Amino acid sequence: MGNVKIQGLAAGAVLTLGVLAASQHAAAEGSLALLTWEGYSDDLVVAPFTEKTGCVVEPTYVSSNDEIIAKTLASGSATIDLVSPSNDATMTLIDAGAVEPIDKSKLPHLADYFPVFQSPSWLVKDNDLYGVPYGYGFLRLVLDSNVIPDAPASVSVLWDERLKGKLAMWDNLETLYVAARYIGVKDVYNMTDEELQKTRDALIALKPNIRKFWTSDAEFQQLYMQKEVVGGNTTELAVSGLWAQSADSLKEVLPQEGSGGWSDSWMIVKGASENPCVYAWLDWISSPESQALASKLTGYAFANAKSFDMLEPEALALLTKLGTGDPEVQKSISWWQPVPRRGAYLEIWNQVKAETAQ
């Protein structure tokens, strides 16, 4: 996910980790070029891998999925071995022939993945799996219960007149999706012109309630703690960070219309599988030990269900409270998908922001 902020769910939490198991890739050696988000190739995760395999990890960090796509298409395996895009970008790389299918027989840990991540639609084409799911999360709708004590289980609460000038909404197409769900759109990733216009109208109607469009977890937290806003749509890291600051009245609204979800995946750039370090890395990062380390580092949940068993109780309790490890909740999420008419969506979104700024 873009704009990764390294922030553990529980400060000082210590993971209960076993020794890195022996692997068929133990003597891979060489170097590995990653195009990824900050936090996904930190020394906490990389050091045990390099010690076991001899592979030296060389990361290049990105700030957006658009950057991942552009650099992968431009450079290919000449300079990149693996990329870790989010699920609204994966199919673009697959359709472009820029990445190659995964050999699942080389990755035994995939059997321990949550069901929703075993063959997700955003990674499968012609029955081939093109990526290894990694970090994931759900987008959250939160409100101060002191202001709205009777919040319904619906996104419609955002349009409540009591919230005039009191919301912070994400400067992202996810906010467009929220409004689309509000007006009853079933497939928010493939809207017609009529649905887009109605979504625009709904967002314009929401304009009086919006105090600011936020761009980072830290900004949302600051707006809330300084009492400039009483809620909005945000990420799990922002919510957990506020709860850690004793924002006890901040409650999550579980909308009946559904919530969005993101999932990052490691994908092999076409031709890079000849590098023995590629499958050595995929084997390591799909293991529960590795993903538990990554969860400690980033604060995210990860796709291997067994990684949850390796978290300290405090961190596990928070992920449980957030529902990220619940397979039934995972199945209910509207997971991000590629948006074929992204240009039209962005045009509508920019119109909304311009009018909101007046």
Protein backbone atom coordinates (compact mmCIF):
# COMPACT_ATOMS: atom_id res chain seq x y z
CA MET A 1 0.00 0.00 0.00
CA GLY A 2 1.24 3.50 -0.77
CA ASN A 3 2.67 5.84 1.85
CA VAL A 4 3.66 3.05 4.19
CA LYS A 5 4.47 4.37 7.62
CA ILE A 6 6.61 2.11 9.79
CA GLN A 7 4.53 1.91 12.94
CA GLY A 8 4.13 -1.21 15.08
CA LEU A 9 0.68 -2.02 16.39
CA ALA A 10 2.00 -2.34 19.91
CA ALA A 11 5.06 -0.37 20.92
CA GLY A 12 7.81 -2.64 22.06
CA ALA A 13 5.87 -5.80 21.26
CA VAL A 14 8.15 -8.81 21.01
CA LEU A 15 7.33 -11.58 18.59
CA THR A 16 7.56 -15.20 19.55
CA LEU A 17 9.58 -16.54 16.64
CA GLY A 18 11.08 -19.90 15.91
CA VAL A 19 14.40 -20.36 14.21
CA LEU A 20 14.25 -19.87 10.44
CA ALA A 21 13.62 -23.34 9.07
CA ALA A 22 16.02 -24.97 6.65
CA SER A 23 15.00 -24.36 3.06
CA GLN A 24 15.66 -25.68 -0.41
CA HIS A 25 16.92 -22.15 -1.15
CA ALA A 26 19.42 -22.05 1.72
CA ALA A 27 22.45 -21.60 -0.53
CA ALA A 28 20.98 -19.39 -3.24
CA GLU A 29 23.52 -16.53 -2.92
CA GLY A 30 23.70 -13.53 -5.26
CA SER A 31 21.70 -10.28 -5.21
CA LEU A 32 18.03 -9.43 -5.39
CA ALA A 33 16.59 -6.14 -6.73
CA LEU A 34 13.28 -5.14 -5.18
CA LEU A 35 10.89 -2.36 -6.17
CA THR A 36 8.75 -1.99 -3.10
CA TRP A 37 7.21 0.09 -0.32
CA GLU A 38 9.25 1.40 2.57
CA GLY A 39 9.06 -1.10 5.42
CA TYR A 40 8.88 -4.24 3.29
CA SER A 41 12.65 -4.70 3.05
CA ASP A 42 13.77 -3.45 6.44
CA ASP A 43 16.74 -5.13 8.06
CA LEU A 44 14.45 -6.83 10.58
CA VAL A 45 13.06 -8.93 7.71
CA VAL A 46 16.07 -8.97 5.41
CA ALA A 47 18.88 -9.89 7.81
CA PRO A 48 17.65 -13.44 8.61
CA PHE A 49 17.07 -14.04 4.89
CA THR A 50 20.55 -12.90 3.88
CA GLU A 51 22.17 -14.85 6.69
CA LYS A 52 20.47 -18.05 5.58
CA THR A 53 20.72 -17.69 1.80
CA GLY A 54 23.64 -15.37 1.12
CA CYS A 55 21.38 -13.24 -1.09
CA VAL A 56 21.97 -9.51 -0.78
CA VAL A 57 18.76 -7.47 -1.02
CA GLU A 58 18.90 -4.20 -2.96
CA PRO A 59 15.63 -2.29 -2.50
CA THR A 60 14.32 0.71 -4.39
CA TYR A 61 11.42 2.39 -2.62
CA VAL A 62 8.36 3.80 -4.36
CA SER A 63 5.54 6.10 -3.31
CA SER A 64 2.74 4.92 -5.60
CA ASN A 65 1.47 2.02 -7.65
CA ASP A 66 1.74 4.20 -10.75
CA GLU A 67 5.48 4.38 -10.10
CA ILE A 68 5.71 0.61 -9.76
CA ILE A 69 3.92 0.10 -13.06
CA ALA A 70 5.94 2.72 -14.94
CA LYS A 71 9.33 1.49 -13.71
CA THR A 72 8.49 -2.18 -14.26
CA LEU A 73 7.29 -1.61 -17.81
CA ALA A 74 10.28 0.59 -18.59
CA SER A 75 13.07 -1.51 -17.07
CA GLY A 76 11.87 -5.08 -16.73
CA SER A 77 14.18 -7.70 -15.27
CA ALA A 78 17.26 -5.79 -16.43
CA THR A 79 17.14 -3.86 -13.16
CA ILE A 80 14.22 -5.34 -11.15
CA ASP A 81 13.57 -8.87 -9.91
CA LEU A 82 10.48 -8.47 -7.74
CA VAL A 83 7.80 -5.82 -7.25
CA SER A 84 5.09 -5.49 -4.58
CA PRO A 85 2.11 -3.58 -6.02
CA SER A 86 -1.32 -3.27 -4.46
CA ASN A 87 -4.30 -5.17 -5.80
CA ASP A 88 -5.63 -2.32 -7.93
CA ALA A 89 -2.42 -2.41 -9.98
CA THR A 90 -1.54 -6.09 -10.28
CA MET A 91 -3.70 -6.92 -13.28
CA THR A 92 -2.17 -4.05 -15.25
CA LEU A 93 1.21 -5.75 -14.97
CA ILE A 94 -0.25 -9.18 -15.71
CA ASP A 95 -2.10 -8.03 -18.82
CA ALA A 96 1.02 -6.23 -20.05
CA GLY A 97 3.03 -9.44 -19.81
CA ALA A 98 5.46 -7.71 -17.46
CA VAL A 99 5.32 -10.40 -14.76
CA GLU A 100 5.38 -14.19 -14.84
CA PRO A 101 3.30 -16.89 -13.12
CA ILE A 102 4.29 -18.23 -9.73
CA ASP A 103 5.43 -21.85 -9.39
CA LYS A 104 3.37 -22.74 -6.34
CA SER A 105 5.19 -26.06 -5.91
CA LYS A 106 8.23 -24.09 -4.74
CA LEU A 107 6.27 -22.23 -2.06
CA PRO A 108 4.87 -24.65 0.54
CA HIS A 109 3.85 -21.85 2.94
CA LEU A 110 1.05 -20.80 0.57
CA ALA A 111 -0.97 -23.72 1.97
CA ASP A 112 -1.15 -21.84 5.28
CA TYR A 113 -2.60 -18.66 3.75
CA PHE A 114 -6.06 -17.41 4.60
CA PRO A 115 -8.52 -18.75 1.98
CA VAL A 116 -9.19 -15.30 0.49
CA PHE A 117 -5.49 -14.99 -0.40
CA GLN A 118 -4.93 -18.44 -1.89
CA SER A 119 -6.20 -17.57 -5.39
CA PRO A 120 -7.35 -13.94 -5.27
CA SER A 121 -8.98 -12.60 -8.42
CA TRP A 122 -6.48 -9.75 -8.70
CA LEU A 123 -3.61 -12.24 -9.10
CA VAL A 124 -5.14 -14.97 -11.26
CA LYS A 125 -5.31 -15.13 -15.04
CA ASP A 126 -5.98 -18.26 -17.11
CA ASN A 127 -5.80 -20.29 -13.89
CA ASP A 128 -2.24 -19.13 -13.21
CA LEU A 129 -1.26 -17.34 -10.00
CA TYR A 130 0.89 -14.27 -10.65
CA GLY A 131 1.81 -13.13 -7.17
CA VAL A 132 2.36 -14.00 -3.53
CA PRO A 133 0.00 -12.00 -1.25
CA TYR A 134 1.72 -10.18 1.58
CA GLY A 135 0.50 -7.26 3.72
CA TYR A 136 -3.17 -6.27 3.68
CA GLY A 137 -5.74 -4.15 5.44
CA PHE A 138 -9.28 -2.77 5.43
CA LEU A 139 -10.32 0.86 5.10
CA ARG A 140 -12.11 2.13 8.20
CA LEU A 141 -14.99 4.48 8.93
CA VAL A 142 -14.63 5.97 12.42
CA LEU A 143 -16.49 8.59 14.46
CA ASP A 144 -16.32 10.10 17.93
CA SER A 145 -19.17 8.41 19.79
CA ASN A 146 -19.57 11.49 21.97
CA VAL A 147 -20.68 13.42 18.88
CA ILE A 148 -22.65 10.68 17.15
CA PRO A 149 -23.69 8.23 19.88
CA ASP A 150 -26.35 6.64 17.69
CA ALA A 151 -24.34 6.04 14.51
CA PRO A 152 -26.11 3.61 12.18
CA ALA A 153 -24.21 0.74 10.56
CA SER A 154 -24.13 2.63 7.28
CA VAL A 155 -21.96 5.06 5.34
CA SER A 156 -25.02 7.30 5.31
CA VAL A 157 -23.94 8.60 8.72
CA LEU A 158 -21.27 10.70 6.97
CA TRP A 159 -24.04 12.89 5.55
CA ASP A 160 -25.48 13.57 9.04
CA GLU A 161 -25.92 17.33 9.58
CA ARG A 162 -24.34 17.02 13.04
CA LEU A 163 -21.02 16.40 11.27
CA LYS A 164 -20.90 19.75 9.47
CA GLY A 165 -17.26 20.76 9.08
CA LYS A 166 -16.12 17.86 11.26
CA LEU A 167 -14.92 15.13 8.86
CA ALA A 168 -11.52 14.28 7.43
CA MET A 169 -11.80 12.24 4.24
CA TRP A 170 -8.98 10.47 2.41
CA ASP A 171 -7.62 12.22 -0.68
CA ASN A 172 -7.92 9.00 -2.62
CA LEU A 173 -10.37 7.26 -4.95
CA GLU A 174 -11.44 5.17 -1.95
CA THR A 175 -13.56 8.15 -0.85
CA LEU A 176 -15.22 8.08 -4.27
CA TYR A 177 -15.98 4.39 -3.69
CA VAL A 178 -17.54 5.21 -0.30
CA ALA A 179 -19.95 7.66 -1.94
CA ALA A 180 -20.71 5.16 -4.70
CA ARG A 181 -21.68 2.55 -2.12
CA TYR A 182 -23.85 5.16 -0.41
CA ILE A 183 -25.96 5.63 -3.58
CA GLY A 184 -26.22 1.87 -4.12
CA VAL A 185 -23.58 1.16 -6.78
CA LYS A 186 -22.82 -2.57 -6.74
CA ASP A 187 -19.51 -2.55 -8.62
CA VAL A 188 -17.67 0.60 -7.60
CA TYR A 189 -14.66 -0.27 -9.76
CA ASN A 190 -16.64 -0.33 -13.02
CA MET A 191 -19.08 2.58 -12.82
CA THR A 192 -21.05 3.90 -15.75
CA ASP A 193 -21.12 7.60 -16.63
CA GLU A 194 -24.47 7.91 -14.90
CA GLU A 195 -23.20 6.24 -11.74
CA LEU A 196 -20.12 8.46 -11.72
CA GLN A 197 -22.24 11.60 -11.99
CA LYS A 198 -24.52 10.48 -9.18
CA THR A 199 -21.48 9.67 -7.07
CA ARG A 200 -20.12 13.15 -7.79
CA ASP A 201 -23.43 14.68 -6.70
CA ALA A 202 -23.35 12.66 -3.47
CA LEU A 203 -19.85 13.89 -2.68
CA ILE A 204 -20.79 17.48 -3.42
CA ALA A 205 -23.70 17.04 -1.01
CA LEU A 206 -21.17 15.82 1.56
CA LYS A 207 -19.08 18.98 1.02
CA PRO A 208 -20.41 20.92 4.06
CA ASN A 209 -19.32 18.13 6.39
CA ILE A 210 -15.73 17.86 5.11
CA ARG A 211 -13.15 19.80 7.09
CA LYS A 212 -10.16 18.50 5.14
CA PHE A 213 -8.90 15.82 2.75
CA TRP A 214 -6.02 14.04 4.47
CA THR A 215 -3.00 12.48 2.76
CA SER A 216 -1.19 10.59 5.56
CA ASP A 217 -2.02 8.59 8.66
CA ALA A 218 -0.18 11.15 10.78
CA GLU A 219 -2.27 13.99 9.37
CA PHE A 220 -5.55 12.22 10.17
CA GLN A 221 -4.36 11.49 13.71
CA GLN A 222 -3.29 15.09 14.23
CA LEU A 223 -6.59 16.46 12.97
CA TYR A 224 -8.48 14.20 15.35
CA MET A 225 -6.28 14.76 18.41
CA GLN A 226 -6.42 18.53 17.92
CA LYS A 227 -10.22 18.25 17.75
CA GLU A 228 -10.39 19.72 14.26
CA VAL A 229 -12.40 16.67 13.15
CA VAL A 230 -14.43 13.95 14.84
CA GLY A 231 -13.88 11.19 12.29
CA GLY A 232 -13.96 10.14 8.67
CA ASN A 233 -12.58 7.34 6.53
CA THR A 234 -9.07 6.22 7.32
CA THR A 235 -6.60 3.36 7.66
CA GLU A 236 -6.04 0.79 10.38
CA LEU A 237 -2.70 2.32 11.30
CA ALA A 238 -4.35 5.68 11.94
CA VAL A 239 -7.07 4.05 14.06
CA SER A 240 -4.68 1.94 16.10
CA GLY A 241 -2.42 4.96 16.57
CA LEU A 242 -5.30 7.00 17.95
CA TRP A 243 -6.42 4.21 20.24
CA ALA A 244 -2.85 4.07 21.55
CA GLN A 245 -3.20 7.78 22.39
CA SER A 246 -6.28 7.00 24.52
CA ALA A 247 -8.82 8.15 21.95
CA ASP A 248 -11.31 5.83 23.62
CA SER A 249 -14.42 7.53 22.25
CA LEU A 250 -13.30 6.90 18.67
CA LYS A 251 -15.50 4.05 17.48
CA GLU A 252 -15.60 2.16 14.23
CA VAL A 253 -18.74 2.14 12.10
CA LEU A 254 -19.22 -1.16 10.26
CA PRO A 255 -21.20 -0.09 7.17
CA GLN A 256 -23.71 -2.51 5.73
CA GLU A 257 -22.75 -1.23 2.28
CA GLY A 258 -19.29 -2.78 2.66
CA SER A 259 -15.73 -1.53 3.06
CA GLY A 260 -12.72 -1.40 0.79
CA GLY A 261 -9.60 -3.47 1.26
CA TRP A 262 -6.05 -3.40 -0.07
CA SER A 263 -3.56 -6.23 -0.48
CA ASP A 264 0.06 -6.01 -1.59
CA SER A 265 1.68 -8.93 -3.39
CA TRP A 266 5.17 -9.90 -4.48
CA MET A 267 5.34 -10.45 -8.24
CA ILE A 268 8.21 -11.78 -10.37
CA VAL A 269 9.26 -9.47 -13.18
CA LYS A 270 9.31 -11.43 -16.43
CA GLY A 271 12.61 -13.23 -16.85
CA ALA A 272 13.74 -12.71 -13.26
CA SER A 273 12.87 -16.21 -12.05
CA GLU A 274 16.26 -17.37 -13.36
CA ASN A 275 17.77 -15.56 -10.38
CA PRO A 276 17.91 -18.21 -7.60
CA CYS A 277 17.38 -15.50 -4.99
CA VAL A 278 13.87 -14.81 -6.33
CA TYR A 279 12.22 -17.99 -5.07
CA ALA A 280 14.43 -17.97 -1.99
CA TRP A 281 12.88 -14.58 -1.12
CA LEU A 282 9.33 -15.68 -1.94
CA ASP A 283 9.77 -18.77 0.22
CA TRP A 284 11.01 -16.62 3.12
CA ILE A 285 8.46 -13.81 2.91
CA SER A 286 5.56 -16.27 2.64
CA SER A 287 6.59 -17.99 5.89
CA PRO A 288 4.78 -17.22 9.14
CA GLU A 289 8.08 -16.29 10.84
CA SER A 290 8.87 -13.64 8.24
CA GLN A 291 5.35 -12.24 8.14
CA ALA A 292 5.20 -11.97 11.92
CA LEU A 293 8.38 -9.89 11.77
CA ALA A 294 6.87 -7.72 9.03
CA SER A 295 3.71 -7.23 11.09
CA LYS A 296 5.78 -6.06 14.05
CA LEU A 297 7.60 -3.62 11.79
CA THR A 298 4.71 -2.15 9.79
CA GLY A 299 1.63 -2.72 11.94
CA TYR A 300 -0.17 -4.49 9.09
CA ALA A 301 -1.77 -7.91 9.00
CA PHE A 302 -0.23 -10.49 6.67
CA ALA A 303 -1.62 -13.26 4.50
CA ASN A 304 -0.19 -16.34 6.25
CA ALA A 305 -2.72 -17.24 8.94
CA LYS A 306 -0.03 -18.86 11.07
CA SER A 307 1.79 -15.54 11.41
CA PHE A 308 -0.94 -14.45 13.83
CA ASP A 309 0.09 -17.26 16.19
CA MET A 310 3.58 -15.75 16.46
CA LEU A 311 2.50 -12.32 17.68
CA GLU A 312 2.64 -11.23 21.29
CA PRO A 313 -0.81 -11.15 22.97
CA GLU A 314 -1.14 -7.35 22.85
CA ALA A 315 -0.49 -7.16 19.10
CA LEU A 316 -2.74 -10.15 18.44
CA ALA A 317 -5.53 -8.61 20.52
CA LEU A 318 -5.43 -5.43 18.45
CA LEU A 319 -5.53 -7.28 15.13
CA THR A 320 -8.40 -9.36 16.52
CA LYS A 321 -10.26 -6.19 17.56
CA LEU A 322 -9.77 -4.83 14.04
CA GLY A 323 -11.09 -8.10 12.58
CA THR A 324 -8.26 -8.44 10.08
CA GLY A 325 -7.64 -12.10 10.87
CA ASP A 326 -11.29 -13.16 10.62
CA PRO A 327 -11.88 -15.15 7.40
CA GLU A 328 -15.56 -14.20 7.39
CA VAL A 329 -14.74 -10.50 7.58
CA GLN A 330 -12.11 -10.95 4.87
CA LYS A 331 -14.74 -12.47 2.57
CA SER A 332 -17.06 -9.49 3.09
CA ILE A 333 -14.48 -6.90 2.03
CA SER A 334 -14.73 -5.13 -1.33
CA TRP A 335 -11.10 -5.74 -2.29
CA TRP A 336 -9.59 -3.10 -4.54
CA GLN A 337 -9.63 -3.97 -8.22
CA PRO A 338 -8.11 -2.29 -11.28
CA VAL A 339 -10.30 0.57 -12.51
CA PRO A 340 -10.50 0.43 -16.32
CA ARG A 341 -11.84 4.00 -16.49
CA ARG A 342 -9.37 5.42 -13.99
CA GLY A 343 -9.05 8.65 -15.98
CA ALA A 344 -12.79 9.33 -15.74
CA TYR A 345 -12.77 8.53 -12.02
CA LEU A 346 -9.90 10.94 -11.40
CA GLU A 347 -11.65 13.66 -13.39
CA ILE A 348 -14.74 13.34 -11.19
CA TRP A 349 -12.61 13.20 -8.05
CA ASN A 350 -10.72 16.36 -8.99
CA GLN A 351 -14.01 18.14 -9.69
CA VAL A 352 -15.23 17.20 -6.22
CA LYS A 353 -12.07 18.44 -4.52
CA ALA A 354 -12.15 21.70 -6.44
CA GLU A 355 -15.74 22.38 -5.40
CA THR A 356 -15.07 21.37 -1.83
CA ALA A 357 -12.23 23.89 -1.68
CA GLN A 358 -14.53 26.81 -2.57
